[in-house]
Amino acid sequence: MKILVLPGTIWQVPLMKKIKSMGHELYLANPVKNEGVYEIADHFLETDIFAYNTIISYCKSEGIDIVMSEECDVATDAVARYNKALGANCISEEMADLFTNKFRMREFCKEHGFNPIPHCLCRTQSEAVEFYRQNGPKLIMKPLDSNASHGVFTIHSEKDIAEKFDETLGFSRNSKAVLLEKYIEGTEFTVDGIMTENGHVTLAISEKGHYEHNDNIANSLFFTQQNPRFGYDLLRKTNDELLNATGIPFALTHVEYKLQDGKYYLIEMAARGGGNLISAIIAPFMSGVDNYDYLIKKTLDSNYRCKITADIENDRTAILKFLDLPCEGGVVKAIHGEDYLQNDPRIKSYKLNFSVGDYIHQPESDSVRIGYYIICADTREEFDEVTKNISEKLKIDLEVE
């Protein structure tokens, strides 16, 4: 079979390699030839992933069977549109919109009784101010369909709206409006799963931590099967029921919740696996489920059947940890301990988005965090050992200007 993957960034590499390992012919579309990515494909099309006519014409001329993407919100509706034109198996454009449009998510929760959050679709600053006066003093303002926390701001005053409204609006891609909603206090969680013909199966749950300088940007996702501080069984039940109610036929899923007063509130949901290699590395490690194998086979054959059961009776522990700085920023003078990140087999992936001589600073969105590492350990004791080693060995010397 011929499969086109888009976009062509490092986050699609695991899916691309899986497709190749299963014997399929791999095509890739992306605006640029990213090193370490485009070389994996058998064929490469240099184009914007939203160049509809170009990509459809290319798919038909090459006899491509299906278009796929992973870990990428902005590609969800594009992939649905391309596959519809090809007559290929995929979620509908309407379903893709439900899983990318945050206002529609809020309306869905309201209509189906899933702990709805007071919210408002605002096309103008005056609409936002009016909603704030009725529902303040603390709200959150978001683009309708952006990603990576771009344009997301906590609102404490009408002045905040005046200062940030246009920036938030600028990140709404398909409809020029913003979502304003009550701020839900409490701990945040991510839940990764897979929709099958037998219903939704939750694979991995994380407790999220956030940067002190911006509580809308995550700096850690800590994965365990159970958490003595929270009710993960209730979270699994809530998540499975919510996704089953959407009617989505098949997909990897990534959903975020907040816990307040014993209730899990939907923050957002996506019809793709968790980013930064959560779906590629952490979800299969935690659950024992080869989610990419199922996704590819189901995408290519709508009649494919496989009983999926997640292993939640284990002590596996994992983390996606984003690097933090002890100060606002500075010039990197030296990096110590990178050899440990390279050589401990329990560190499954890492990346430092800087070199000696670079100026680095605290991130302003998810997409510009300075680096990360992923630990996957069979026991909590092993996990704590690796965490301790990283704390002792990984050091970044900064010259603060």
Protein backbone atom coordinates (compact mmCIF):
# COMPACT_ATOMS: atom_id res chain seq x y z
CA MET A 1 0.00 0.00 0.00
CA LYS A 2 1.04 3.60 -0.61
CA ILE A 3 0.72 5.91 2.42
CA LEU A 4 1.32 9.66 2.51
CA VAL A 5 2.33 11.11 5.91
CA LEU A 6 2.21 14.80 6.78
CA PRO A 7 3.71 17.00 8.12
CA GLY A 8 7.36 15.98 8.00
CA THR A 9 8.74 16.80 11.44
CA ILE A 10 10.61 14.68 13.99
CA TRP A 11 7.33 13.85 15.73
CA GLN A 12 6.13 11.86 12.69
CA VAL A 13 9.31 9.76 12.48
CA PRO A 14 8.06 6.86 14.68
CA LEU A 15 4.88 6.55 12.58
CA MET A 16 6.93 6.71 9.39
CA LYS A 17 9.30 4.00 10.60
CA LYS A 18 6.38 1.80 11.64
CA ILE A 19 4.77 2.16 8.20
CA LYS A 20 8.05 1.19 6.54
CA SER A 21 8.56 -1.80 8.87
CA MET A 22 5.13 -3.12 7.84
CA GLY A 23 6.21 -3.15 4.20
CA HIS A 24 4.27 -0.16 2.88
CA GLU A 25 5.53 2.46 0.43
CA LEU A 26 6.00 5.74 2.27
CA TYR A 27 5.39 9.21 0.88
CA LEU A 28 5.97 12.43 2.80
CA ALA A 29 4.66 15.98 2.30
CA ASN A 30 6.18 19.00 4.04
CA PRO A 31 7.22 22.57 3.15
CA VAL A 32 10.90 21.82 3.88
CA LYS A 33 13.19 18.80 3.88
CA ASN A 34 13.83 18.37 7.59
CA GLU A 35 17.07 16.47 8.17
CA GLY A 36 16.55 13.05 9.71
CA VAL A 37 12.94 12.96 8.53
CA TYR A 38 12.53 13.23 4.77
CA GLU A 39 15.30 10.64 4.14
CA ILE A 40 13.11 7.93 5.71
CA ALA A 41 10.42 8.30 3.06
CA ASP A 42 10.53 6.62 -0.34
CA HIS A 43 9.14 9.77 -1.96
CA PHE A 44 8.99 13.41 -0.87
CA LEU A 45 6.65 16.23 -1.95
CA GLU A 46 7.87 19.69 -1.01
CA THR A 47 4.64 21.60 -0.36
CA ASP A 48 2.57 23.24 2.35
CA ILE A 49 0.45 20.58 4.01
CA PHE A 50 -2.65 22.73 3.41
CA ALA A 51 -2.05 23.02 -0.35
CA TYR A 52 -5.22 21.06 -1.05
CA ASN A 53 -5.18 20.96 -4.85
CA THR A 54 -1.47 20.18 -5.01
CA ILE A 55 -1.65 17.29 -2.56
CA ILE A 56 -4.84 15.77 -3.99
CA SER A 57 -3.41 15.92 -7.51
CA TYR A 58 -0.18 14.33 -6.29
CA CYS A 59 -2.02 11.55 -4.43
CA LYS A 60 -4.12 10.67 -7.47
CA SER A 61 -1.20 10.76 -9.89
CA GLU A 62 0.91 8.53 -7.60
CA GLY A 63 -1.92 6.17 -6.70
CA ILE A 64 -1.62 6.90 -2.99
CA ASP A 65 -4.12 4.89 -0.96
CA ILE A 66 -4.40 6.99 2.17
CA VAL A 67 -3.09 10.06 4.02
CA MET A 68 -2.03 9.84 7.67
CA SER A 69 -0.69 12.10 10.40
CA GLU A 70 0.20 11.76 14.06
CA GLU A 71 0.84 14.01 17.07
CA CYS A 72 -0.32 17.06 15.10
CA ASP A 73 -3.56 18.93 15.81
CA VAL A 74 -3.39 21.24 12.83
CA ALA A 75 -3.23 18.32 10.40
CA THR A 76 -6.38 16.61 11.71
CA ASP A 77 -8.93 18.40 9.55
CA ALA A 78 -6.61 18.44 6.52
CA VAL A 79 -6.13 14.66 6.67
CA ALA A 80 -9.89 14.14 6.92
CA ARG A 81 -10.40 16.34 3.86
CA TYR A 82 -7.72 14.60 1.80
CA ASN A 83 -8.99 11.11 2.60
CA LYS A 84 -12.55 12.09 1.74
CA ALA A 85 -11.34 13.19 -1.70
CA LEU A 86 -9.48 9.89 -2.11
CA GLY A 87 -12.41 7.80 -0.88
CA ALA A 88 -10.13 6.45 1.85
CA ASN A 89 -10.94 5.34 5.39
CA CYS A 90 -10.78 8.22 7.88
CA ILE A 91 -12.83 10.21 10.35
CA SER A 92 -15.24 12.69 8.76
CA GLU A 93 -14.50 16.38 8.37
CA GLU A 94 -17.30 17.10 10.87
CA MET A 95 -15.71 14.73 13.40
CA ALA A 96 -12.31 16.31 12.81
CA ASP A 97 -13.84 19.71 13.55
CA LEU A 98 -15.28 18.44 16.85
CA PHE A 99 -11.79 17.31 17.88
CA THR A 100 -10.05 20.58 16.91
CA ASN A 101 -12.61 23.30 17.63
CA LYS A 102 -12.56 24.06 21.35
CA PHE A 103 -15.93 25.80 21.28
CA ARG A 104 -17.56 22.70 19.78
CA MET A 105 -15.94 20.61 22.51
CA ARG A 106 -17.52 22.86 25.15
CA GLU A 107 -20.92 22.64 23.45
CA PHE A 108 -20.60 18.85 23.23
CA CYS A 109 -19.96 18.59 26.98
CA LYS A 110 -22.94 20.87 27.64
CA GLU A 111 -25.26 18.85 25.40
CA HIS A 112 -24.17 15.48 26.81
CA GLY A 113 -23.80 16.42 30.49
CA PHE A 114 -20.04 15.96 30.84
CA ASN A 115 -19.38 18.56 33.56
CA PRO A 116 -19.82 21.61 31.27
CA ILE A 117 -17.71 24.71 31.88
CA PRO A 118 -19.32 28.17 31.49
CA HIS A 119 -17.96 29.51 28.20
CA CYS A 120 -18.55 31.98 25.41
CA LEU A 121 -17.61 32.29 21.74
CA CYS A 122 -16.34 35.86 21.37
CA ARG A 123 -15.78 37.56 18.03
CA THR A 124 -15.12 40.99 19.51
CA GLN A 125 -13.43 42.42 22.59
CA SER A 126 -16.75 43.84 23.76
CA GLU A 127 -18.29 40.34 23.80
CA ALA A 128 -15.32 39.09 25.80
CA VAL A 129 -15.56 41.95 28.28
CA GLU A 130 -19.28 41.33 28.78
CA PHE A 131 -18.65 37.63 29.51
CA TYR A 132 -15.83 38.56 31.89
CA ARG A 133 -18.09 40.92 33.85
CA GLN A 134 -20.58 38.10 34.36
CA ASN A 135 -18.12 35.26 35.04
CA GLY A 136 -14.86 36.79 36.38
CA PRO A 137 -12.60 37.40 38.17
CA LYS A 138 -10.49 34.60 36.63
CA LEU A 139 -11.02 33.22 33.13
CA ILE A 140 -8.94 31.63 30.41
CA MET A 141 -8.88 32.83 26.81
CA LYS A 142 -7.95 30.50 23.93
CA PRO A 143 -7.91 30.38 20.16
CA LEU A 144 -10.59 28.07 18.78
CA ASP A 145 -8.28 25.65 17.01
CA SER A 146 -4.62 26.38 17.65
CA ASN A 147 -2.01 24.11 19.22
CA ALA A 148 1.08 24.19 21.47
CA SER A 149 -0.51 26.74 23.85
CA HIS A 150 -0.18 29.52 21.29
CA GLY A 151 -2.44 32.44 22.21
CA VAL A 152 -3.63 30.92 25.51
CA PHE A 153 -3.82 33.42 28.38
CA THR A 154 -5.17 33.52 31.91
CA ILE A 155 -7.44 36.55 32.24
CA HIS A 156 -7.66 38.49 35.52
CA SER A 157 -9.06 41.79 34.29
CA GLU A 158 -10.67 43.65 31.41
CA LYS A 159 -7.24 45.12 30.74
CA ASP A 160 -5.88 41.60 30.10
CA ILE A 161 -8.57 41.12 27.46
CA ALA A 162 -7.69 44.40 25.77
CA GLU A 163 -3.99 43.49 25.71
CA LYS A 164 -4.28 39.85 24.60
CA PHE A 165 -7.50 39.52 22.57
CA ASP A 166 -6.01 40.26 19.15
CA GLU A 167 -3.07 37.90 19.74
CA THR A 168 -5.40 35.07 20.73
CA LEU A 169 -7.67 35.80 17.79
CA GLY A 170 -4.69 35.65 15.45
CA PHE A 171 -4.06 32.00 16.35
CA SER A 172 -7.63 30.87 15.50
CA ARG A 173 -7.16 29.30 12.07
CA ASN A 174 -10.57 28.45 10.63
CA SER A 175 -12.91 30.88 12.38
CA LYS A 176 -12.00 34.33 13.64
CA ALA A 177 -13.23 34.11 17.22
CA VAL A 178 -11.83 33.21 20.64
CA LEU A 179 -13.08 30.98 23.41
CA LEU A 180 -13.45 32.57 26.84
CA GLU A 181 -14.31 30.30 29.76
CA LYS A 182 -14.28 29.98 33.53
CA TYR A 183 -10.88 29.04 34.87
CA ILE A 184 -10.97 25.59 36.45
CA GLU A 185 -8.63 25.40 39.42
CA GLY A 186 -6.95 22.15 40.27
CA THR A 187 -4.58 19.51 38.98
CA GLU A 188 -4.38 18.86 35.24
CA PHE A 189 -4.12 15.45 33.57
CA THR A 190 -3.56 14.02 30.12
CA VAL A 191 -5.17 10.78 29.01
CA ASP A 192 -4.03 8.90 25.92
CA GLY A 193 -6.10 6.16 24.39
CA ILE A 194 -7.36 4.37 21.32
CA MET A 195 -10.84 4.11 19.84
CA THR A 196 -11.64 0.58 18.61
CA GLU A 197 -14.65 -1.25 17.20
CA ASN A 198 -15.34 -2.39 20.78
CA GLY A 199 -15.23 1.11 22.24
CA HIS A 200 -12.58 3.39 23.65
CA VAL A 201 -9.63 2.04 25.63
CA THR A 202 -7.58 4.33 27.88
CA LEU A 203 -3.86 3.54 27.63
CA ALA A 204 -1.91 6.05 29.75
CA ILE A 205 -2.61 8.82 32.26
CA SER A 206 -0.29 11.60 33.35
CA GLU A 207 -0.38 14.19 36.08
CA LYS A 208 0.83 17.47 34.60
CA GLY A 209 3.16 20.01 36.14
CA HIS A 210 3.56 23.57 34.87
CA TYR A 211 6.21 26.26 34.72
CA GLU A 212 6.09 28.80 37.52
CA HIS A 213 6.39 31.72 35.09
CA ASN A 214 3.39 30.52 33.01
CA ASP A 215 0.89 28.01 34.35
CA ASN A 216 -0.51 27.43 30.85
CA ILE A 217 2.71 25.71 29.70
CA ALA A 218 3.45 22.19 30.92
CA ASN A 219 6.93 21.31 32.17
CA SER A 220 6.26 17.66 33.09
CA LEU A 221 3.85 14.81 32.41
CA PHE A 222 4.22 12.08 35.06
CA PHE A 223 2.72 8.70 34.10
CA THR A 224 1.62 5.94 36.47
CA GLN A 225 -1.19 3.38 36.35
CA GLN A 226 -2.57 4.52 39.69
CA ASN A 227 -2.10 7.66 41.74
CA PRO A 228 -2.89 7.59 45.47
CA ARG A 229 -3.78 11.30 45.38
CA PHE A 230 -6.37 11.01 42.63
CA GLY A 231 -9.04 8.67 41.29
CA TYR A 232 -7.60 7.30 38.07
CA ASP A 233 -10.34 4.67 37.80
CA LEU A 234 -12.92 7.47 37.69
CA LEU A 235 -10.78 9.33 35.16
CA ARG A 236 -10.56 6.25 32.91
CA LYS A 237 -14.32 5.80 33.16
CA THR A 238 -14.99 9.47 32.43
CA ASN A 239 -12.61 9.46 29.48
CA ASP A 240 -13.97 6.27 27.89
CA GLU A 241 -17.57 7.42 28.28
CA LEU A 242 -16.84 10.85 26.80
CA LEU A 243 -15.05 9.49 23.75
CA ASN A 244 -17.61 6.75 23.17
CA ALA A 245 -20.30 9.44 23.18
CA THR A 246 -18.58 11.34 20.35
CA GLY A 247 -19.18 8.47 17.94
CA ILE A 248 -15.67 8.67 16.50
CA PRO A 249 -15.16 5.36 14.65
CA PHE A 250 -11.42 4.89 15.21
CA ALA A 251 -8.44 7.04 16.18
CA LEU A 252 -5.68 7.51 18.67
CA THR A 253 -6.88 10.03 21.25
CA HIS A 254 -5.28 12.57 23.54
CA VAL A 255 -7.50 14.30 26.10
CA GLU A 256 -6.75 16.82 28.84
CA TYR A 257 -8.77 17.25 32.05
CA LYS A 258 -8.70 19.23 35.26
CA LEU A 259 -9.92 17.92 38.59
CA GLN A 260 -11.96 20.32 40.72
CA ASP A 261 -14.24 19.40 43.65
CA GLY A 262 -14.09 15.70 42.78
CA LYS A 263 -15.12 16.18 39.13
CA TYR A 264 -13.02 15.82 36.00
CA TYR A 265 -13.59 18.70 33.56
CA LEU A 266 -12.66 18.39 29.91
CA ILE A 267 -10.05 20.96 28.88
CA GLU A 268 -9.64 19.73 25.30
CA MET A 269 -9.59 16.54 23.25
CA ALA A 270 -7.77 15.51 20.09
CA ALA A 271 -8.13 12.72 17.53
CA ARG A 272 -4.41 11.98 17.50
CA GLY A 273 -1.87 10.63 19.91
CA GLY A 274 -0.15 12.75 22.53
CA GLY A 275 2.66 14.95 21.24
CA ASN A 276 6.37 14.91 22.05
CA LEU A 277 6.41 11.14 21.51
CA ILE A 278 3.78 10.28 24.13
CA SER A 279 1.86 8.12 21.67
CA ALA A 280 5.03 6.74 20.08
CA ILE A 281 6.90 5.79 23.26
CA ILE A 282 5.03 6.31 26.52
CA ALA A 283 1.49 5.06 25.75
CA PRO A 284 2.66 1.68 24.40
CA PHE A 285 5.17 1.31 27.24
CA MET A 286 2.59 2.00 29.93
CA SER A 287 -0.21 -0.11 28.40
CA GLY A 288 1.56 -2.88 26.48
CA VAL A 289 -0.53 -1.95 23.41
CA ASP A 290 1.04 -1.45 19.97
CA ASN A 291 -1.18 1.50 19.13
CA TYR A 292 0.55 2.37 15.84
CA ASP A 293 0.09 -1.20 14.55
CA TYR A 294 -3.64 -0.95 15.20
CA LEU A 295 -3.93 2.57 13.78
CA ILE A 296 -2.20 1.70 10.50
CA LYS A 297 -4.07 -1.58 9.97
CA LYS A 298 -7.44 0.01 10.80
CA THR A 299 -6.74 2.98 8.55
CA LEU A 300 -5.95 0.70 5.63
CA ASP A 301 -8.83 -1.71 6.26
CA SER A 302 -12.04 -0.54 7.96
CA ASN A 303 -12.98 -4.19 8.53
CA TYR A 304 -9.84 -4.91 10.56
CA ARG A 305 -10.66 -6.26 14.01
CA CYS A 306 -8.44 -6.64 17.06
CA LYS A 307 -9.32 -6.92 20.74
CA ILE A 308 -7.39 -4.19 22.57
CA THR A 309 -6.84 -4.50 26.33
CA ALA A 310 -4.57 -2.17 28.28
CA ASP A 311 -2.39 -3.57 31.05
CA ILE A 312 -3.02 -1.32 34.04
CA GLU A 313 -1.87 -3.80 36.69
CA ASN A 314 1.81 -2.89 36.66
CA ASP A 315 4.27 -0.56 38.37
CA ARG A 316 5.59 1.09 35.21
CA THR A 317 6.46 4.73 35.63
CA ALA A 318 7.32 7.26 32.95
CA ILE A 319 7.80 10.97 32.52
CA LEU A 320 8.02 13.48 29.74
CA LYS A 321 10.10 16.20 31.37
CA PHE A 322 10.78 19.59 29.81
CA LEU A 323 13.89 21.43 30.91
CA ASP A 324 13.59 24.42 33.19
CA LEU A 325 15.93 27.31 33.92
CA PRO A 326 16.93 28.74 37.30
CA CYS A 327 16.67 32.26 35.84
CA GLU A 328 14.96 34.19 33.05
CA GLY A 329 17.69 33.33 30.57
CA GLY A 330 21.31 33.59 29.56
CA VAL A 331 24.07 32.47 27.19
CA VAL A 332 24.97 28.76 27.37
CA LYS A 333 28.61 28.44 28.43
CA ALA A 334 28.77 24.67 28.95
CA ILE A 335 26.55 21.55 28.97
CA HIS A 336 27.37 18.74 31.41
CA GLY A 337 25.91 15.25 31.61
CA GLU A 338 24.56 14.79 28.09
CA ASP A 339 26.49 11.52 27.84
CA TYR A 340 24.29 10.12 30.61
CA LEU A 341 21.14 10.98 28.67
CA GLN A 342 22.61 9.15 25.68
CA ASN A 343 23.65 5.99 27.49
CA ASP A 344 21.04 5.06 30.09
CA PRO A 345 18.61 2.68 28.31
CA ARG A 346 15.74 3.86 30.50
CA ILE A 347 16.00 7.29 28.91
CA LYS A 348 14.09 6.57 25.71
CA SER A 349 14.45 9.96 24.04
CA TYR A 350 15.88 13.39 24.71
CA LYS A 351 16.61 16.59 22.84
CA LEU A 352 18.45 19.78 23.77
CA ASN A 353 17.22 22.59 21.54
CA PHE A 354 20.37 24.66 22.06
CA SER A 355 24.15 24.56 21.83
CA VAL A 356 27.02 26.24 23.62
CA GLY A 357 26.95 29.94 22.75
CA ASP A 358 23.17 30.14 22.29
CA TYR A 359 20.99 32.49 24.30
CA ILE A 360 18.13 30.57 25.91
CA HIS A 361 15.19 31.79 27.95
CA GLN A 362 12.01 30.59 29.62
CA PRO A 363 9.46 29.34 27.04
CA GLU A 364 6.53 31.46 25.91
CA SER A 365 4.62 28.49 24.44
CA ASP A 366 4.82 24.70 24.24
CA SER A 367 6.60 24.86 20.88
CA VAL A 368 9.67 26.75 22.14
CA ARG A 369 10.63 24.77 25.23
CA ILE A 370 14.41 24.38 25.41
CA GLY A 371 14.53 20.60 25.59
CA TYR A 372 13.07 17.42 27.05
CA TYR A 373 13.79 13.86 28.10
CA ILE A 374 11.61 10.76 28.45
CA ILE A 375 12.17 8.17 31.18
CA CYS A 376 10.43 4.78 31.05
CA ALA A 377 11.09 2.52 34.05
CA ASP A 378 9.55 -0.80 35.05
CA THR A 379 9.30 0.22 38.71
CA ARG A 380 9.05 3.42 40.71
CA GLU A 381 12.39 2.60 42.36
CA GLU A 382 14.13 2.48 38.97
CA PHE A 383 12.41 5.70 37.94
CA ASP A 384 13.57 7.51 41.08
CA GLU A 385 17.14 6.29 40.47
CA VAL A 386 17.21 7.71 36.93
CA THR A 387 15.62 10.98 38.05
CA LYS A 388 18.27 11.36 40.77
CA ASN A 389 21.07 10.66 38.30
CA ILE A 390 19.80 13.29 35.86
CA SER A 391 19.48 15.83 38.65
CA GLU A 392 23.09 15.24 39.64
CA LYS A 393 24.64 14.92 36.19
CA LEU A 394 22.77 17.22 33.78
CA LYS A 395 23.95 20.79 34.31
CA ILE A 396 23.72 23.85 32.05
CA ASP A 397 26.15 26.67 32.80
CA LEU A 398 24.64 30.02 31.91
CA GLU A 399 26.13 33.48 31.69
CA VAL A 400 23.35 35.81 32.74
CA GLU A 401 23.44 39.14 30.94
